[in-house]
Amino acid sequence: MADDRIPTGPLEQEPTPLFLPVEDRVGLLHRLLADVRLGAWDRRIVHWLASGTDTSTLLTIVSLIQRARRAELGRLLAAAVAVSATVPVNPEDLPDAWQPFAQATEVLRQVLYLDDGEGGGW
């Protein structure tokens, strides 16, 4: 979910105040939770949260959730790299077997912005 209104790093102060109607705040939360199964109570709390908080508070909550997801993906990537380091074969010798791992690693790298296009890392 790429939305330039949502802070991507640690916040030291309130995000720039802006007004978003309740429907837009609900939409932000629904997009954030698009891959999460929600029950009736979940949906009720999402609406309550979006309608009961100001925009800057909601943006902070969304930012925290996104950063937590990114951190978890980072841990998963580190675990995948650690596991692959223990395999005593050259991945080039087994291109078909390693292709899914290489693709998953690349997706994680893009999601986590690990490669800035200039060889930059974390």
N, C-alpha and C. Protein backbone atom coordinates (compact mmCIF):
# COMPACT_ATOMS: atom_id res chain seq x y z
N MET A 1 0.85 -1.17 0.00
CA MET A 1 0.00 0.00 0.00
C MET A 1 0.89 1.23 0.00
N ALA A 2 1.08 1.83 -1.13
CA ALA A 2 1.91 3.03 -1.22
C ALA A 2 1.01 4.26 -1.15
N ASP A 3 1.20 5.05 -0.11
CA ASP A 3 0.41 6.27 0.07
C ASP A 3 1.34 7.28 0.71
N ASP A 4 1.65 8.35 -0.01
CA ASP A 4 2.65 9.30 0.48
C ASP A 4 2.18 10.09 1.70
N ARG A 5 0.94 9.93 2.10
CA ARG A 5 0.45 10.59 3.32
C ARG A 5 0.86 9.82 4.58
N ILE A 6 1.24 8.57 4.41
CA ILE A 6 1.56 7.72 5.54
C ILE A 6 3.06 7.79 5.83
N PRO A 7 3.43 8.21 7.04
CA PRO A 7 4.86 8.28 7.39
C PRO A 7 5.49 6.90 7.31
N THR A 8 6.74 6.84 6.83
CA THR A 8 7.41 5.56 6.65
C THR A 8 8.49 5.30 7.70
N GLY A 9 8.80 6.27 8.51
CA GLY A 9 9.85 6.10 9.51
C GLY A 9 9.37 6.50 10.88
N PRO A 10 10.26 6.39 11.87
CA PRO A 10 9.90 6.77 13.24
C PRO A 10 9.44 8.22 13.31
N LEU A 11 8.42 8.46 14.09
CA LEU A 11 7.87 9.82 14.21
C LEU A 11 8.34 10.45 15.52
N GLU A 12 8.82 11.65 15.43
CA GLU A 12 9.22 12.41 16.60
C GLU A 12 8.17 13.45 16.97
N GLN A 13 7.24 13.67 16.05
CA GLN A 13 6.16 14.63 16.30
C GLN A 13 4.96 14.23 15.45
N GLU A 14 3.86 14.90 15.70
CA GLU A 14 2.62 14.61 14.99
C GLU A 14 2.84 14.79 13.48
N PRO A 15 2.30 13.86 12.68
CA PRO A 15 2.40 14.04 11.23
C PRO A 15 1.72 15.35 10.82
N THR A 16 2.15 15.86 9.70
CA THR A 16 1.57 17.11 9.20
C THR A 16 0.06 17.03 9.24
N PRO A 17 -0.57 17.96 9.96
CA PRO A 17 -2.03 17.90 10.06
C PRO A 17 -2.69 18.05 8.69
N LEU A 18 -3.61 17.20 8.42
CA LEU A 18 -4.44 17.30 7.24
C LEU A 18 -5.77 16.68 7.58
N PHE A 19 -6.76 17.03 6.81
CA PHE A 19 -8.08 16.49 7.07
C PHE A 19 -8.41 15.43 6.04
N LEU A 20 -8.85 14.28 6.52
CA LEU A 20 -9.39 13.25 5.65
C LEU A 20 -10.77 12.91 6.17
N PRO A 21 -11.76 12.87 5.28
CA PRO A 21 -13.10 12.48 5.73
C PRO A 21 -13.09 11.06 6.29
N VAL A 22 -14.06 10.76 7.10
CA VAL A 22 -14.15 9.43 7.73
C VAL A 22 -14.08 8.32 6.68
N GLU A 23 -14.76 8.51 5.56
CA GLU A 23 -14.75 7.47 4.52
C GLU A 23 -13.34 7.20 4.02
N ASP A 24 -12.52 8.24 3.88
CA ASP A 24 -11.14 8.06 3.43
C ASP A 24 -10.30 7.38 4.51
N ARG A 25 -10.54 7.72 5.78
CA ARG A 25 -9.81 7.08 6.87
C ARG A 25 -10.18 5.60 6.96
N VAL A 26 -11.46 5.29 6.80
CA VAL A 26 -11.89 3.89 6.77
C VAL A 26 -11.22 3.18 5.60
N GLY A 27 -11.18 3.83 4.45
CA GLY A 27 -10.54 3.25 3.26
C GLY A 27 -9.07 2.96 3.49
N LEU A 28 -8.36 3.86 4.17
CA LEU A 28 -6.94 3.63 4.49
C LEU A 28 -6.78 2.34 5.29
N LEU A 29 -7.61 2.20 6.31
CA LEU A 29 -7.51 1.00 7.14
C LEU A 29 -7.89 -0.26 6.36
N HIS A 30 -8.91 -0.18 5.55
CA HIS A 30 -9.32 -1.35 4.76
C HIS A 30 -8.23 -1.75 3.76
N ARG A 31 -7.58 -0.78 3.14
CA ARG A 31 -6.48 -1.12 2.22
C ARG A 31 -5.32 -1.73 2.99
N LEU A 32 -5.02 -1.19 4.15
CA LEU A 32 -3.94 -1.74 4.97
C LEU A 32 -4.24 -3.18 5.37
N LEU A 33 -5.51 -3.46 5.64
CA LEU A 33 -5.91 -4.78 6.11
C LEU A 33 -6.50 -5.67 5.02
N ALA A 34 -6.26 -5.31 3.77
CA ALA A 34 -6.88 -6.01 2.64
C ALA A 34 -6.60 -7.51 2.64
N ASP A 35 -5.45 -7.92 3.11
CA ASP A 35 -5.11 -9.35 3.09
C ASP A 35 -5.38 -10.03 4.43
N VAL A 36 -6.09 -9.34 5.31
CA VAL A 36 -6.43 -9.89 6.63
C VAL A 36 -7.92 -10.20 6.65
N ARG A 37 -8.27 -11.44 7.04
CA ARG A 37 -9.69 -11.79 7.16
C ARG A 37 -10.28 -11.03 8.33
N LEU A 38 -11.37 -10.33 8.10
CA LEU A 38 -12.03 -9.55 9.14
C LEU A 38 -13.40 -10.12 9.45
N GLY A 39 -13.70 -10.20 10.72
CA GLY A 39 -15.03 -10.59 11.16
C GLY A 39 -15.87 -9.34 11.39
N ALA A 40 -17.10 -9.53 11.77
CA ALA A 40 -18.02 -8.40 11.99
C ALA A 40 -17.48 -7.46 13.07
N TRP A 41 -16.96 -8.03 14.15
CA TRP A 41 -16.41 -7.19 15.21
C TRP A 41 -15.18 -6.42 14.72
N ASP A 42 -14.33 -7.10 13.96
CA ASP A 42 -13.16 -6.43 13.39
C ASP A 42 -13.58 -5.21 12.56
N ARG A 43 -14.56 -5.42 11.68
CA ARG A 43 -15.02 -4.32 10.82
C ARG A 43 -15.60 -3.19 11.66
N ARG A 44 -16.31 -3.55 12.72
CA ARG A 44 -16.88 -2.52 13.60
C ARG A 44 -15.76 -1.69 14.25
N ILE A 45 -14.71 -2.37 14.70
CA ILE A 45 -13.59 -1.67 15.35
C ILE A 45 -12.82 -0.83 14.32
N VAL A 46 -12.66 -1.34 13.12
CA VAL A 46 -12.00 -0.54 12.07
C VAL A 46 -12.78 0.76 11.84
N HIS A 47 -14.08 0.66 11.74
CA HIS A 47 -14.89 1.86 11.52
C HIS A 47 -14.81 2.79 12.73
N TRP A 48 -14.89 2.20 13.94
CA TRP A 48 -14.79 3.00 15.16
C TRP A 48 -13.44 3.72 15.23
N LEU A 49 -12.37 3.00 14.92
CA LEU A 49 -11.05 3.58 14.97
C LEU A 49 -10.92 4.72 13.96
N ALA A 50 -11.40 4.49 12.74
CA ALA A 50 -11.29 5.51 11.69
C ALA A 50 -12.17 6.72 11.97
N SER A 51 -13.32 6.50 12.56
CA SER A 51 -14.23 7.62 12.80
C SER A 51 -13.99 8.29 14.15
N GLY A 52 -13.32 7.58 15.07
CA GLY A 52 -13.14 8.11 16.40
C GLY A 52 -11.79 8.75 16.66
N THR A 53 -10.93 8.79 15.65
CA THR A 53 -9.62 9.41 15.83
C THR A 53 -9.44 10.49 14.77
N ASP A 54 -8.54 11.42 15.08
CA ASP A 54 -8.22 12.44 14.08
C ASP A 54 -7.28 11.84 13.04
N THR A 55 -7.11 12.53 11.94
CA THR A 55 -6.32 12.01 10.83
C THR A 55 -4.88 11.72 11.22
N SER A 56 -4.24 12.63 11.95
CA SER A 56 -2.83 12.41 12.28
C SER A 56 -2.65 11.19 13.19
N THR A 57 -3.59 10.94 14.08
CA THR A 57 -3.51 9.75 14.93
C THR A 57 -3.69 8.49 14.09
N LEU A 58 -4.65 8.51 13.19
CA LEU A 58 -4.88 7.35 12.33
C LEU A 58 -3.67 7.09 11.43
N LEU A 59 -3.08 8.14 10.87
CA LEU A 59 -1.89 7.97 10.02
C LEU A 59 -0.74 7.36 10.83
N THR A 60 -0.63 7.75 12.08
CA THR A 60 0.41 7.18 12.94
C THR A 60 0.16 5.69 13.17
N ILE A 61 -1.09 5.32 13.44
CA ILE A 61 -1.44 3.91 13.65
C ILE A 61 -1.15 3.10 12.39
N VAL A 62 -1.56 3.61 11.23
CA VAL A 62 -1.31 2.92 9.96
C VAL A 62 0.20 2.78 9.74
N SER A 63 0.94 3.85 10.02
CA SER A 63 2.40 3.82 9.86
C SER A 63 3.02 2.76 10.76
N LEU A 64 2.58 2.69 12.00
CA LEU A 64 3.11 1.69 12.93
C LEU A 64 2.86 0.28 12.42
N ILE A 65 1.65 0.03 11.92
CA ILE A 65 1.32 -1.31 11.40
C ILE A 65 2.19 -1.63 10.19
N GLN A 66 2.34 -0.67 9.28
CA GLN A 66 3.18 -0.91 8.10
C GLN A 66 4.63 -1.16 8.49
N ARG A 67 5.15 -0.38 9.43
CA ARG A 67 6.54 -0.56 9.85
C ARG A 67 6.73 -1.90 10.56
N ALA A 68 5.73 -2.33 11.33
CA ALA A 68 5.81 -3.64 11.98
C ALA A 68 5.83 -4.76 10.94
N ARG A 69 5.02 -4.62 9.91
CA ARG A 69 5.02 -5.62 8.83
C ARG A 69 6.37 -5.66 8.14
N ARG A 70 6.93 -4.48 7.85
CA ARG A 70 8.23 -4.40 7.20
C ARG A 70 9.31 -5.04 8.07
N ALA A 71 9.25 -4.80 9.37
CA ALA A 71 10.23 -5.40 10.28
C ALA A 71 10.11 -6.93 10.27
N GLU A 72 8.88 -7.42 10.26
CA GLU A 72 8.68 -8.88 10.21
C GLU A 72 9.19 -9.45 8.90
N LEU A 73 8.95 -8.76 7.79
CA LEU A 73 9.48 -9.24 6.51
C LEU A 73 11.01 -9.25 6.55
N GLY A 74 11.60 -8.26 7.20
CA GLY A 74 13.05 -8.23 7.35
C GLY A 74 13.56 -9.43 8.12
N ARG A 75 12.86 -9.78 9.20
CA ARG A 75 13.24 -10.96 9.98
C ARG A 75 13.11 -12.23 9.13
N LEU A 76 12.04 -12.31 8.34
CA LEU A 76 11.85 -13.48 7.48
C LEU A 76 12.95 -13.57 6.42
N LEU A 77 13.31 -12.43 5.85
CA LEU A 77 14.37 -12.43 4.85
C LEU A 77 15.69 -12.86 5.48
N ALA A 78 15.99 -12.33 6.67
CA ALA A 78 17.23 -12.71 7.35
C ALA A 78 17.23 -14.22 7.64
N ALA A 79 16.09 -14.75 8.06
CA ALA A 79 16.00 -16.19 8.33
C ALA A 79 16.19 -16.99 7.05
N ALA A 80 15.60 -16.52 5.95
CA ALA A 80 15.74 -17.22 4.66
C ALA A 80 17.19 -17.22 4.20
N VAL A 81 17.86 -16.09 4.37
CA VAL A 81 19.26 -15.99 3.98
C VAL A 81 20.11 -16.91 4.86
N ALA A 82 19.81 -16.94 6.16
CA ALA A 82 20.56 -17.80 7.08
C ALA A 82 20.38 -19.27 6.72
N VAL A 83 19.16 -19.66 6.37
CA VAL A 83 18.90 -21.05 5.99
C VAL A 83 19.63 -21.37 4.69
N SER A 84 19.59 -20.45 3.74
CA SER A 84 20.23 -20.73 2.45
C SER A 84 21.74 -20.83 2.61
N ALA A 85 22.31 -20.12 3.60
CA ALA A 85 23.76 -20.17 3.81
C ALA A 85 24.21 -21.53 4.32
N THR A 86 23.30 -22.30 4.91
CA THR A 86 23.67 -23.61 5.44
C THR A 86 23.57 -24.72 4.39
N VAL A 87 23.04 -24.39 3.22
CA VAL A 87 22.91 -25.40 2.16
C VAL A 87 24.25 -25.51 1.44
N PRO A 88 24.89 -26.69 1.48
CA PRO A 88 26.24 -26.84 0.94
C PRO A 88 26.30 -27.05 -0.57
N VAL A 89 25.49 -26.32 -1.31
CA VAL A 89 25.54 -26.43 -2.77
C VAL A 89 25.56 -25.02 -3.36
N ASN A 90 26.05 -24.97 -4.56
CA ASN A 90 26.07 -23.70 -5.29
C ASN A 90 24.72 -23.53 -5.96
N PRO A 91 23.99 -22.42 -5.69
CA PRO A 91 22.67 -22.23 -6.29
C PRO A 91 22.69 -22.29 -7.81
N GLU A 92 23.82 -21.92 -8.41
CA GLU A 92 23.91 -21.97 -9.87
C GLU A 92 23.90 -23.39 -10.40
N ASP A 93 24.27 -24.34 -9.53
CA ASP A 93 24.23 -25.75 -9.93
C ASP A 93 22.81 -26.30 -9.93
N LEU A 94 21.90 -25.64 -9.22
CA LEU A 94 20.52 -26.10 -9.12
C LEU A 94 19.56 -24.96 -9.45
N PRO A 95 19.62 -24.42 -10.66
CA PRO A 95 18.81 -23.24 -10.96
C PRO A 95 17.31 -23.46 -10.79
N ASP A 96 16.82 -24.63 -11.19
CA ASP A 96 15.39 -24.86 -11.07
C ASP A 96 14.95 -24.95 -9.61
N ALA A 97 15.74 -25.60 -8.79
CA ALA A 97 15.40 -25.76 -7.38
C ALA A 97 15.49 -24.44 -6.63
N TRP A 98 16.40 -23.58 -7.03
CA TRP A 98 16.62 -22.33 -6.30
C TRP A 98 15.80 -21.17 -6.85
N GLN A 99 15.22 -21.34 -8.00
CA GLN A 99 14.49 -20.24 -8.62
C GLN A 99 13.37 -19.68 -7.73
N PRO A 100 12.53 -20.52 -7.11
CA PRO A 100 11.48 -19.96 -6.23
C PRO A 100 12.07 -19.17 -5.06
N PHE A 101 13.17 -19.65 -4.48
CA PHE A 101 13.81 -18.93 -3.38
C PHE A 101 14.35 -17.59 -3.87
N ALA A 102 14.99 -17.59 -5.02
CA ALA A 102 15.54 -16.35 -5.57
C ALA A 102 14.43 -15.35 -5.86
N GLN A 103 13.31 -15.83 -6.40
CA GLN A 103 12.19 -14.93 -6.68
C GLN A 103 11.60 -14.37 -5.39
N ALA A 104 11.43 -15.22 -4.38
CA ALA A 104 10.88 -14.75 -3.10
C ALA A 104 11.81 -13.75 -2.46
N THR A 105 13.11 -14.00 -2.52
CA THR A 105 14.09 -13.07 -1.96
C THR A 105 14.02 -11.72 -2.68
N GLU A 106 13.88 -11.74 -3.97
CA GLU A 106 13.81 -10.48 -4.73
C GLU A 106 12.54 -9.70 -4.38
N VAL A 107 11.43 -10.40 -4.24
CA VAL A 107 10.19 -9.72 -3.85
C VAL A 107 10.36 -9.08 -2.47
N LEU A 108 10.90 -9.84 -1.52
CA LEU A 108 11.13 -9.28 -0.18
C LEU A 108 12.07 -8.08 -0.25
N ARG A 109 13.11 -8.18 -1.06
CA ARG A 109 14.06 -7.08 -1.20
C ARG A 109 13.35 -5.82 -1.71
N GLN A 110 12.47 -5.98 -2.68
CA GLN A 110 11.74 -4.83 -3.22
C GLN A 110 10.76 -4.27 -2.19
N VAL A 111 10.05 -5.15 -1.51
CA VAL A 111 9.08 -4.71 -0.51
C VAL A 111 9.76 -3.94 0.61
N LEU A 112 10.93 -4.40 0.99
CA LEU A 112 11.65 -3.78 2.10
C LEU A 112 12.57 -2.64 1.66
N TYR A 113 12.58 -2.33 0.38
CA TYR A 113 13.44 -1.27 -0.15
C TYR A 113 14.90 -1.54 0.16
N LEU A 114 15.30 -2.80 0.10
CA LEU A 114 16.68 -3.13 0.45
C LEU A 114 17.66 -2.73 -0.65
N ASP A 115 17.19 -2.65 -1.86
CA ASP A 115 18.07 -2.32 -2.96
C ASP A 115 17.63 -0.99 -3.54
N ASP A 116 18.49 0.02 -3.38
CA ASP A 116 18.14 1.34 -3.87
C ASP A 116 18.55 1.55 -5.32
N GLY A 117 18.93 0.46 -5.99
CA GLY A 117 19.34 0.55 -7.39
C GLY A 117 20.80 0.88 -7.56
N GLU A 118 21.48 1.19 -6.45
CA GLU A 118 22.89 1.52 -6.52
C GLU A 118 23.68 0.59 -5.62
N GLY A 119 23.15 -0.59 -5.41
CA GLY A 119 23.83 -1.56 -4.58
C GLY A 119 23.69 -1.32 -3.10
N GLY A 120 22.81 -0.40 -2.72
CA GLY A 120 22.61 -0.09 -1.30
C GLY A 120 21.88 -1.20 -0.61
N GLY A 121 22.10 -1.35 0.64
CA GLY A 121 21.44 -2.39 1.41
C GLY A 121 20.47 -1.78 2.40
N TRP A 122 20.30 -2.46 3.49
CA TRP A 122 19.39 -2.05 4.53
C TRP A 122 19.49 -0.58 4.74
